[in-house]
């Protein structure tokens, strides 16, 4: 029997939303095993001096629980 757990993370980047998602995944795989994929939940950005200063990507990571 398989059980899949999910966690929500927000990646932050000064480059792009894609890079922010990649950073969140990279950080998660440092401590999680059996990551199977993720879903992008939302993207947003912070603005300073009329320009984007940070890209934020909210993701839900799926991983299989092993015993």
N, C-alpha and C. Protein backbone atom coordinates (compact mmCIF):
# COMPACT_ATOMS: atom_id res chain seq x y z
N UNK A 1 0.83 -1.17 0.00
CA UNK A 1 0.00 0.00 0.00
C UNK A 1 0.89 1.24 0.00
N UNK A 2 0.59 2.19 -0.84
CA UNK A 2 1.38 3.42 -0.93
C UNK A 2 0.63 4.60 -0.33
N UNK A 3 1.39 5.46 0.30
CA UNK A 3 0.85 6.71 0.83
C UNK A 3 1.73 7.83 0.32
N UNK A 4 1.09 8.85 -0.21
CA UNK A 4 1.82 10.01 -0.71
C UNK A 4 1.48 11.20 0.18
N UNK A 5 2.51 11.88 0.65
CA UNK A 5 2.35 13.05 1.51
C UNK A 5 2.68 14.28 0.70
N UNK A 6 2.11 15.43 1.07
CA UNK A 6 2.42 16.69 0.40
C UNK A 6 2.84 17.74 1.41
N UNK A 7 3.70 18.63 0.96
CA UNK A 7 4.06 19.80 1.76
C UNK A 7 4.06 21.01 0.82
N UNK A 8 3.74 22.16 1.37
CA UNK A 8 3.75 23.40 0.60
C UNK A 8 4.97 24.22 0.96
N UNK A 9 5.65 24.74 -0.06
CA UNK A 9 6.83 25.58 0.13
C UNK A 9 6.74 26.79 -0.78
N UNK A 10 7.48 27.84 -0.43
CA UNK A 10 7.60 29.01 -1.29
C UNK A 10 9.07 29.21 -1.60
N UNK A 11 9.41 29.12 -2.87
CA UNK A 11 10.78 29.39 -3.31
C UNK A 11 10.92 30.86 -3.64
N UNK A 12 12.10 31.40 -3.41
CA UNK A 12 12.37 32.82 -3.65
C UNK A 12 13.60 32.95 -4.54
N UNK A 13 13.50 33.83 -5.54
CA UNK A 13 14.61 34.04 -6.46
C UNK A 13 14.64 35.49 -6.92
N UNK A 14 15.80 35.96 -7.27
CA UNK A 14 15.92 37.30 -7.89
C UNK A 14 15.94 37.19 -9.41
N UNK A 15 15.87 35.95 -9.93
CA UNK A 15 15.99 35.72 -11.38
C UNK A 15 14.64 35.52 -12.07
N UNK A 16 13.83 34.54 -11.57
CA UNK A 16 12.57 34.21 -12.25
C UNK A 16 11.69 33.34 -11.36
N UNK A 17 10.41 33.18 -11.77
CA UNK A 17 9.51 32.30 -11.05
C UNK A 17 9.97 30.85 -11.20
N UNK A 18 10.47 30.50 -12.38
CA UNK A 18 10.97 29.14 -12.61
C UNK A 18 12.15 28.83 -11.68
N UNK A 19 13.06 29.77 -11.55
CA UNK A 19 14.20 29.59 -10.66
C UNK A 19 13.74 29.47 -9.21
N UNK A 20 12.73 30.23 -8.83
CA UNK A 20 12.19 30.15 -7.47
C UNK A 20 11.62 28.77 -7.19
N UNK A 21 10.90 28.19 -8.16
CA UNK A 21 10.36 26.83 -8.00
C UNK A 21 11.50 25.83 -7.88
N UNK A 22 12.51 25.99 -8.70
CA UNK A 22 13.66 25.08 -8.67
C UNK A 22 14.37 25.15 -7.32
N UNK A 23 14.50 26.34 -6.76
CA UNK A 23 15.17 26.49 -5.46
C UNK A 23 14.36 25.82 -4.35
N UNK A 24 13.04 25.92 -4.41
CA UNK A 24 12.20 25.26 -3.40
C UNK A 24 12.37 23.74 -3.50
N UNK A 25 12.35 23.21 -4.72
CA UNK A 25 12.54 21.78 -4.91
C UNK A 25 13.92 21.33 -4.46
N UNK A 26 14.93 22.10 -4.82
CA UNK A 26 16.31 21.77 -4.44
C UNK A 26 16.47 21.70 -2.92
N UNK A 27 15.87 22.64 -2.22
CA UNK A 27 15.96 22.66 -0.76
C UNK A 27 15.20 21.48 -0.16
N UNK A 28 14.02 21.17 -0.71
CA UNK A 28 13.20 20.08 -0.18
C UNK A 28 13.91 18.73 -0.33
N UNK A 29 14.58 18.52 -1.46
CA UNK A 29 15.22 17.22 -1.68
C UNK A 29 16.47 17.02 -0.83
N UNK A 30 16.88 18.03 -0.10
CA UNK A 30 17.99 17.85 0.85
C UNK A 30 17.56 16.99 2.03
N UNK A 31 16.26 17.02 2.36
CA UNK A 31 15.79 16.27 3.53
C UNK A 31 14.68 15.27 3.20
N UNK A 32 14.04 15.38 2.05
CA UNK A 32 12.97 14.47 1.68
C UNK A 32 13.47 13.42 0.70
N UNK A 33 12.97 12.20 0.86
CA UNK A 33 13.27 11.13 -0.09
C UNK A 33 12.01 10.84 -0.90
N UNK A 34 12.19 10.19 -2.02
CA UNK A 34 11.08 9.72 -2.85
C UNK A 34 10.17 10.83 -3.37
N UNK A 35 10.74 11.99 -3.68
CA UNK A 35 9.94 13.08 -4.26
C UNK A 35 9.49 12.65 -5.64
N UNK A 36 8.18 12.77 -5.89
CA UNK A 36 7.61 12.31 -7.16
C UNK A 36 7.22 13.45 -8.08
N UNK A 37 7.06 14.64 -7.55
CA UNK A 37 6.67 15.77 -8.40
C UNK A 37 6.16 16.91 -7.56
N UNK A 38 5.74 17.97 -8.25
CA UNK A 38 5.15 19.10 -7.55
C UNK A 38 4.17 19.83 -8.45
N UNK A 39 3.31 20.62 -7.82
CA UNK A 39 2.34 21.45 -8.52
C UNK A 39 2.60 22.89 -8.15
N UNK A 40 2.61 23.77 -9.14
CA UNK A 40 2.75 25.19 -8.86
C UNK A 40 1.38 25.71 -8.41
N UNK A 41 1.32 26.26 -7.22
CA UNK A 41 0.08 26.76 -6.66
C UNK A 41 -0.15 28.23 -6.99
N UNK A 42 0.94 29.00 -6.96
CA UNK A 42 0.79 30.46 -7.13
C UNK A 42 2.15 31.07 -7.41
N UNK A 43 2.14 32.16 -8.14
CA UNK A 43 3.35 32.95 -8.32
C UNK A 43 3.05 34.38 -7.90
N UNK A 44 4.06 35.04 -7.37
CA UNK A 44 3.91 36.44 -6.97
C UNK A 44 5.30 37.08 -6.99
N UNK A 45 5.34 38.36 -6.74
CA UNK A 45 6.62 39.06 -6.75
C UNK A 45 6.57 40.24 -5.79
N UNK A 46 7.75 40.66 -5.36
CA UNK A 46 7.86 41.89 -4.59
C UNK A 46 8.50 42.94 -5.49
N UNK A 47 8.10 44.19 -5.27
CA UNK A 47 8.56 45.29 -6.12
C UNK A 47 9.28 46.33 -5.28
N UNK A 48 10.43 46.76 -5.78
CA UNK A 48 11.18 47.86 -5.18
C UNK A 48 11.62 48.80 -6.28
N UNK A 49 11.43 50.08 -6.09
CA UNK A 49 11.82 51.09 -7.08
C UNK A 49 11.26 50.79 -8.46
N UNK A 50 9.99 50.44 -8.51
CA UNK A 50 9.26 50.17 -9.76
C UNK A 50 9.80 48.99 -10.56
N UNK A 51 10.49 48.07 -9.91
CA UNK A 51 11.01 46.90 -10.60
C UNK A 51 10.86 45.67 -9.69
N UNK A 52 10.78 44.49 -10.29
CA UNK A 52 10.67 43.26 -9.51
C UNK A 52 11.98 42.99 -8.80
N UNK A 53 11.89 42.84 -7.48
CA UNK A 53 13.10 42.56 -6.71
C UNK A 53 13.20 41.08 -6.32
N UNK A 54 12.05 40.41 -6.14
CA UNK A 54 12.04 38.99 -5.81
C UNK A 54 10.85 38.31 -6.47
N UNK A 55 11.09 37.13 -6.99
CA UNK A 55 10.04 36.27 -7.54
C UNK A 55 9.74 35.20 -6.50
N UNK A 56 8.45 34.96 -6.23
CA UNK A 56 8.03 33.95 -5.27
C UNK A 56 7.17 32.93 -6.00
N UNK A 57 7.46 31.64 -5.81
CA UNK A 57 6.66 30.57 -6.40
C UNK A 57 6.26 29.60 -5.29
N UNK A 58 4.94 29.48 -5.09
CA UNK A 58 4.40 28.53 -4.11
C UNK A 58 4.20 27.20 -4.80
N UNK A 59 4.76 26.14 -4.22
CA UNK A 59 4.61 24.81 -4.80
C UNK A 59 4.15 23.81 -3.76
N UNK A 60 3.47 22.76 -4.22
CA UNK A 60 3.07 21.64 -3.36
C UNK A 60 3.86 20.42 -3.83
N UNK A 61 4.76 19.94 -2.99
CA UNK A 61 5.62 18.82 -3.33
C UNK A 61 4.97 17.52 -2.87
N UNK A 62 5.02 16.50 -3.75
CA UNK A 62 4.49 15.17 -3.44
C UNK A 62 5.65 14.19 -3.25
N UNK A 63 5.59 13.43 -2.16
CA UNK A 63 6.60 12.40 -1.96
C UNK A 63 5.97 11.16 -1.34
N UNK A 64 6.50 10.02 -1.73
CA UNK A 64 5.98 8.73 -1.28
C UNK A 64 6.61 8.38 0.06
N UNK A 65 5.78 8.00 1.02
CA UNK A 65 6.27 7.59 2.33
C UNK A 65 6.75 6.15 2.25
N UNK A 66 7.98 5.94 2.70
CA UNK A 66 8.52 4.58 2.72
C UNK A 66 8.73 4.14 4.16
N UNK A 67 8.61 2.87 4.37
CA UNK A 67 8.77 2.32 5.72
C UNK A 67 10.08 1.61 5.85
